[in-house]
Amino acid sequence: MKKWLLVTAPFVLSACVTMPEPDSEKINVLWGDALEMIGCEDKGVVVGSQGHWYDYWMINDGTLTKGAVNQMRNEAMTLGADTILLYSPKPFSTSVTFLAKAYRCQP
């Protein structure tokens, strides 16, 4: 029983990658300068992070990146934002993590 648990636990724990909420894909994701956001309302900071020390080797980087961006979009949507401005990604070897500012640019 212990052997079975040791073999299957990482697979059970790794099953979660954030999926986009309905309409969250309409949120613009930008890299750039905060000066581009003049005239937009600051809605706060959002963080997207996917992957863990125990499962990063089972999920490809593209899927982890999409999950992190989906997580930020979902969070920005709850803040009433329509745009997120990404900061430089944080370098982790076992996960993908983004930090961004959320803005409302459209009336």
N, C-alpha and C. Protein backbone atom coordinates (compact mmCIF):
# COMPACT_ATOMS: atom_id res chain seq x y z
N MET A 1 0.82 -1.20 0.00
CA MET A 1 0.00 0.00 0.00
C MET A 1 0.87 1.27 0.00
N LYS A 2 1.95 1.25 0.79
CA LYS A 2 2.83 2.42 0.86
C LYS A 2 3.50 2.69 -0.48
N LYS A 3 3.90 1.65 -1.18
CA LYS A 3 4.54 1.82 -2.48
C LYS A 3 3.57 2.45 -3.46
N TRP A 4 2.32 1.99 -3.46
CA TRP A 4 1.30 2.55 -4.35
C TRP A 4 1.10 4.02 -4.07
N LEU A 5 1.05 4.41 -2.80
CA LEU A 5 0.86 5.80 -2.41
C LEU A 5 2.04 6.67 -2.87
N LEU A 6 3.25 6.17 -2.72
CA LEU A 6 4.43 6.92 -3.14
C LEU A 6 4.46 7.12 -4.66
N VAL A 7 3.97 6.15 -5.40
CA VAL A 7 3.98 6.25 -6.86
C VAL A 7 2.86 7.15 -7.37
N THR A 8 1.69 7.07 -6.80
CA THR A 8 0.53 7.81 -7.33
C THR A 8 0.35 9.20 -6.74
N ALA A 9 0.88 9.48 -5.57
CA ALA A 9 0.67 10.78 -4.92
C ALA A 9 1.09 11.97 -5.80
N PRO A 10 2.26 11.95 -6.45
CA PRO A 10 2.61 13.09 -7.29
C PRO A 10 1.63 13.34 -8.44
N PHE A 11 1.08 12.28 -9.00
CA PHE A 11 0.13 12.44 -10.10
C PHE A 11 -1.20 13.04 -9.62
N VAL A 12 -1.64 12.62 -8.47
CA VAL A 12 -2.87 13.17 -7.90
C VAL A 12 -2.68 14.63 -7.54
N LEU A 13 -1.54 14.97 -6.96
CA LEU A 13 -1.27 16.33 -6.53
C LEU A 13 -1.01 17.28 -7.68
N SER A 14 -0.66 16.77 -8.85
CA SER A 14 -0.28 17.62 -9.97
C SER A 14 -1.41 17.86 -10.97
N ALA A 15 -2.59 17.45 -10.67
CA ALA A 15 -3.67 17.50 -11.64
C ALA A 15 -4.21 18.90 -11.90
N CYS A 16 -3.77 19.90 -11.18
CA CYS A 16 -4.38 21.22 -11.29
C CYS A 16 -3.51 22.21 -12.07
N VAL A 17 -4.06 22.68 -13.18
CA VAL A 17 -3.52 23.81 -13.90
C VAL A 17 -4.70 24.74 -14.10
N THR A 18 -4.53 26.02 -13.79
CA THR A 18 -5.64 26.96 -13.84
C THR A 18 -6.19 27.09 -15.25
N MET A 19 -7.50 26.97 -15.35
CA MET A 19 -8.20 27.14 -16.61
C MET A 19 -8.81 28.54 -16.64
N PRO A 20 -9.01 29.12 -17.83
CA PRO A 20 -9.59 30.46 -17.89
C PRO A 20 -11.07 30.45 -17.52
N GLU A 21 -11.47 31.47 -16.77
CA GLU A 21 -12.88 31.69 -16.49
C GLU A 21 -13.53 32.21 -17.76
N PRO A 22 -14.85 32.03 -17.90
CA PRO A 22 -15.53 32.60 -19.07
C PRO A 22 -15.28 34.11 -19.13
N ASP A 23 -14.99 34.62 -20.28
CA ASP A 23 -14.72 36.03 -20.55
C ASP A 23 -13.36 36.54 -20.07
N SER A 24 -12.60 35.75 -19.32
CA SER A 24 -11.29 36.26 -18.86
C SER A 24 -10.29 36.37 -20.00
N GLU A 25 -10.50 35.63 -21.08
CA GLU A 25 -9.59 35.69 -22.22
C GLU A 25 -9.69 37.02 -22.96
N LYS A 26 -10.70 37.83 -22.63
CA LYS A 26 -10.84 39.16 -23.23
C LYS A 26 -9.89 40.17 -22.58
N ILE A 27 -9.28 39.81 -21.47
CA ILE A 27 -8.36 40.71 -20.78
C ILE A 27 -7.05 40.77 -21.53
N ASN A 28 -6.62 41.97 -21.88
CA ASN A 28 -5.35 42.17 -22.59
C ASN A 28 -4.18 41.91 -21.67
N VAL A 29 -3.17 41.23 -22.20
CA VAL A 29 -1.94 40.98 -21.47
C VAL A 29 -0.82 41.70 -22.20
N LEU A 30 -0.19 42.65 -21.54
CA LEU A 30 0.85 43.47 -22.16
C LEU A 30 2.17 43.36 -21.43
N TRP A 31 3.26 43.44 -22.18
CA TRP A 31 4.60 43.66 -21.64
C TRP A 31 4.92 45.10 -22.01
N GLY A 32 5.55 45.80 -21.16
CA GLY A 32 5.91 47.15 -21.55
C GLY A 32 6.16 48.06 -20.38
N ASP A 33 5.91 49.31 -20.63
CA ASP A 33 6.21 50.38 -19.68
C ASP A 33 4.91 50.86 -19.04
N ALA A 34 4.96 51.16 -17.76
CA ALA A 34 3.78 51.66 -17.05
C ALA A 34 3.28 52.97 -17.65
N LEU A 35 4.14 53.69 -18.37
CA LEU A 35 3.70 54.94 -19.00
C LEU A 35 2.58 54.68 -20.02
N GLU A 36 2.54 53.46 -20.56
CA GLU A 36 1.48 53.11 -21.49
C GLU A 36 0.11 53.09 -20.82
N MET A 37 0.10 53.02 -19.51
CA MET A 37 -1.14 52.88 -18.77
C MET A 37 -1.70 54.22 -18.27
N ILE A 38 -1.09 55.32 -18.69
CA ILE A 38 -1.61 56.63 -18.33
C ILE A 38 -3.04 56.74 -18.87
N GLY A 39 -3.94 57.16 -18.04
CA GLY A 39 -5.34 57.24 -18.42
C GLY A 39 -6.13 56.00 -18.03
N CYS A 40 -5.46 54.99 -17.53
CA CYS A 40 -6.14 53.77 -17.07
C CYS A 40 -6.23 53.79 -15.55
N GLU A 41 -7.26 53.17 -15.04
CA GLU A 41 -7.46 53.09 -13.59
C GLU A 41 -6.71 51.88 -13.03
N ASP A 42 -5.86 52.10 -12.03
CA ASP A 42 -5.11 51.03 -11.38
C ASP A 42 -6.07 50.22 -10.51
N LYS A 43 -6.15 48.92 -10.77
CA LYS A 43 -7.05 48.04 -10.01
C LYS A 43 -6.31 47.14 -9.03
N GLY A 44 -4.99 47.16 -9.05
CA GLY A 44 -4.23 46.36 -8.09
C GLY A 44 -3.24 45.41 -8.74
N VAL A 45 -2.60 44.63 -7.91
CA VAL A 45 -1.58 43.68 -8.34
C VAL A 45 -2.21 42.29 -8.45
N VAL A 46 -1.82 41.57 -9.48
CA VAL A 46 -2.24 40.18 -9.65
C VAL A 46 -1.01 39.29 -9.79
N VAL A 47 -1.13 38.07 -9.32
CA VAL A 47 -0.04 37.11 -9.38
C VAL A 47 -0.57 35.83 -10.02
N GLY A 48 0.21 35.27 -10.90
CA GLY A 48 -0.10 33.97 -11.49
C GLY A 48 1.07 33.04 -11.28
N SER A 49 0.81 31.88 -10.71
CA SER A 49 1.88 30.93 -10.46
C SER A 49 1.36 29.51 -10.65
N GLN A 50 2.11 28.72 -11.38
CA GLN A 50 1.76 27.32 -11.63
C GLN A 50 3.00 26.47 -11.48
N GLY A 51 2.82 25.28 -10.94
CA GLY A 51 3.91 24.32 -10.77
C GLY A 51 4.36 24.26 -9.32
N HIS A 52 4.85 23.09 -8.95
CA HIS A 52 5.33 22.84 -7.60
C HIS A 52 6.60 22.00 -7.67
N TRP A 53 7.31 21.92 -6.59
CA TRP A 53 8.55 21.15 -6.56
C TRP A 53 8.31 19.68 -6.87
N TYR A 54 7.12 19.18 -6.59
CA TYR A 54 6.85 17.76 -6.77
C TYR A 54 6.22 17.39 -8.11
N ASP A 55 5.81 18.40 -8.92
CA ASP A 55 5.14 18.03 -10.16
C ASP A 55 5.63 18.78 -11.40
N TYR A 56 6.59 19.69 -11.24
CA TYR A 56 7.00 20.51 -12.39
C TYR A 56 7.54 19.69 -13.54
N TRP A 57 8.11 18.55 -13.28
CA TRP A 57 8.70 17.72 -14.33
C TRP A 57 7.64 16.97 -15.14
N MET A 58 6.39 16.96 -14.66
CA MET A 58 5.32 16.25 -15.37
C MET A 58 4.49 17.18 -16.27
N ILE A 59 4.67 18.50 -16.13
CA ILE A 59 3.87 19.46 -16.89
C ILE A 59 4.83 20.32 -17.70
N ASN A 60 4.59 20.46 -19.00
CA ASN A 60 5.54 21.23 -19.82
C ASN A 60 5.45 22.73 -19.51
N ASP A 61 6.49 23.44 -19.85
CA ASP A 61 6.58 24.87 -19.54
C ASP A 61 5.46 25.69 -20.18
N GLY A 62 5.07 25.33 -21.39
CA GLY A 62 3.99 26.05 -22.06
C GLY A 62 2.68 25.95 -21.30
N THR A 63 2.37 24.77 -20.80
CA THR A 63 1.14 24.57 -20.03
C THR A 63 1.23 25.33 -18.71
N LEU A 64 2.39 25.30 -18.05
CA LEU A 64 2.55 26.06 -16.81
C LEU A 64 2.40 27.55 -17.06
N THR A 65 2.96 28.04 -18.16
CA THR A 65 2.87 29.46 -18.50
C THR A 65 1.43 29.86 -18.77
N LYS A 66 0.72 29.06 -19.55
CA LYS A 66 -0.70 29.35 -19.83
C LYS A 66 -1.51 29.34 -18.55
N GLY A 67 -1.24 28.41 -17.67
CA GLY A 67 -1.95 28.35 -16.39
C GLY A 67 -1.69 29.58 -15.54
N ALA A 68 -0.45 30.06 -15.51
CA ALA A 68 -0.12 31.26 -14.74
C ALA A 68 -0.81 32.49 -15.32
N VAL A 69 -0.83 32.61 -16.65
CA VAL A 69 -1.51 33.73 -17.29
C VAL A 69 -3.02 33.65 -17.06
N ASN A 70 -3.59 32.45 -17.16
CA ASN A 70 -5.01 32.27 -16.87
C ASN A 70 -5.34 32.70 -15.45
N GLN A 71 -4.48 32.33 -14.52
CA GLN A 71 -4.71 32.70 -13.12
C GLN A 71 -4.72 34.22 -12.95
N MET A 72 -3.79 34.92 -13.61
CA MET A 72 -3.76 36.38 -13.54
C MET A 72 -4.99 36.99 -14.19
N ARG A 73 -5.37 36.48 -15.34
CA ARG A 73 -6.57 37.00 -16.03
C ARG A 73 -7.82 36.81 -15.17
N ASN A 74 -7.95 35.64 -14.57
CA ASN A 74 -9.11 35.37 -13.71
C ASN A 74 -9.14 36.34 -12.53
N GLU A 75 -7.99 36.56 -11.93
CA GLU A 75 -7.90 37.48 -10.80
C GLU A 75 -8.19 38.92 -11.23
N ALA A 76 -7.66 39.32 -12.38
CA ALA A 76 -7.89 40.67 -12.90
C ALA A 76 -9.37 40.89 -13.20
N MET A 77 -10.02 39.86 -13.71
CA MET A 77 -11.44 39.97 -14.02
C MET A 77 -12.25 40.22 -12.74
N THR A 78 -11.88 39.58 -11.65
CA THR A 78 -12.60 39.81 -10.39
C THR A 78 -12.37 41.22 -9.86
N LEU A 79 -11.26 41.84 -10.25
CA LEU A 79 -10.98 43.22 -9.84
C LEU A 79 -11.65 44.24 -10.75
N GLY A 80 -12.26 43.79 -11.84
CA GLY A 80 -12.89 44.70 -12.79
C GLY A 80 -11.91 45.29 -13.78
N ALA A 81 -10.77 44.64 -13.97
CA ALA A 81 -9.75 45.12 -14.91
C ALA A 81 -10.01 44.57 -16.31
N ASP A 82 -9.45 45.26 -17.31
CA ASP A 82 -9.52 44.76 -18.68
C ASP A 82 -8.14 44.59 -19.30
N THR A 83 -7.10 44.97 -18.55
CA THR A 83 -5.72 44.90 -19.05
C THR A 83 -4.81 44.55 -17.89
N ILE A 84 -3.80 43.71 -18.16
CA ILE A 84 -2.74 43.49 -17.18
C ILE A 84 -1.40 43.80 -17.83
N LEU A 85 -0.56 44.47 -17.07
CA LEU A 85 0.78 44.82 -17.53
C LEU A 85 1.77 43.96 -16.76
N LEU A 86 2.42 43.06 -17.48
CA LEU A 86 3.34 42.10 -16.85
C LEU A 86 4.67 42.74 -16.50
N TYR A 87 5.17 42.37 -15.34
CA TYR A 87 6.54 42.67 -14.96
C TYR A 87 7.41 41.52 -15.45
N SER A 88 8.71 41.64 -15.33
CA SER A 88 9.60 40.54 -15.73
C SER A 88 9.25 39.28 -14.95
N PRO A 89 9.25 38.12 -15.61
CA PRO A 89 8.93 36.89 -14.89
C PRO A 89 9.95 36.60 -13.81
N LYS A 90 9.49 35.97 -12.75
CA LYS A 90 10.37 35.57 -11.66
C LYS A 90 11.03 34.24 -12.03
N PRO A 91 12.36 34.15 -11.90
CA PRO A 91 13.04 32.92 -12.30
C PRO A 91 12.97 31.84 -11.21
N PHE A 92 12.14 30.83 -11.45
CA PHE A 92 12.07 29.66 -10.58
C PHE A 92 12.31 28.45 -11.46
N SER A 93 12.93 27.43 -10.91
CA SER A 93 13.20 26.25 -11.73
C SER A 93 12.10 25.21 -11.64
N THR A 94 11.18 25.36 -10.69
CA THR A 94 10.13 24.36 -10.53
C THR A 94 8.73 24.91 -10.79
N SER A 95 8.63 26.16 -11.20
CA SER A 95 7.31 26.74 -11.46
C SER A 95 7.44 27.93 -12.40
N VAL A 96 6.29 28.44 -12.83
CA VAL A 96 6.23 29.66 -13.62
C VAL A 96 5.44 30.67 -12.79
N THR A 97 6.02 31.83 -12.54
CA THR A 97 5.37 32.86 -11.73
C THR A 97 5.47 34.20 -12.42
N PHE A 98 4.33 34.88 -12.53
CA PHE A 98 4.26 36.23 -13.09
C PHE A 98 3.63 37.16 -12.07
N LEU A 99 4.09 38.39 -12.08
CA LEU A 99 3.52 39.46 -11.28
C LEU A 99 3.10 40.55 -12.25
N ALA A 100 1.92 41.12 -12.05
CA ALA A 100 1.42 42.13 -12.99
C ALA A 100 0.56 43.14 -12.25
N LYS A 101 0.38 44.28 -12.88
CA LYS A 101 -0.56 45.31 -12.42
C LYS A 101 -1.80 45.17 -13.27
N ALA A 102 -2.96 45.25 -12.63
CA ALA A 102 -4.24 45.18 -13.33
C ALA A 102 -4.79 46.60 -13.51
N TYR A 103 -5.33 46.88 -14.69
CA TYR A 103 -5.85 48.22 -15.01
C TYR A 103 -7.21 48.10 -15.69
N ARG A 104 -7.99 49.14 -15.52
CA ARG A 104 -9.25 49.30 -16.27
C ARG A 104 -9.00 50.44 -17.24
N CYS A 105 -8.92 50.15 -18.53
CA CYS A 105 -8.61 51.16 -19.54
C CYS A 105 -9.83 51.55 -20.37
N GLN A 106 -10.80 50.66 -20.46
CA GLN A 106 -12.01 50.95 -21.22
C GLN A 106 -13.10 51.45 -20.29
N PRO A 107 -13.86 52.45 -20.70
CA PRO A 107 -14.94 52.93 -19.83
C PRO A 107 -16.06 51.92 -19.66
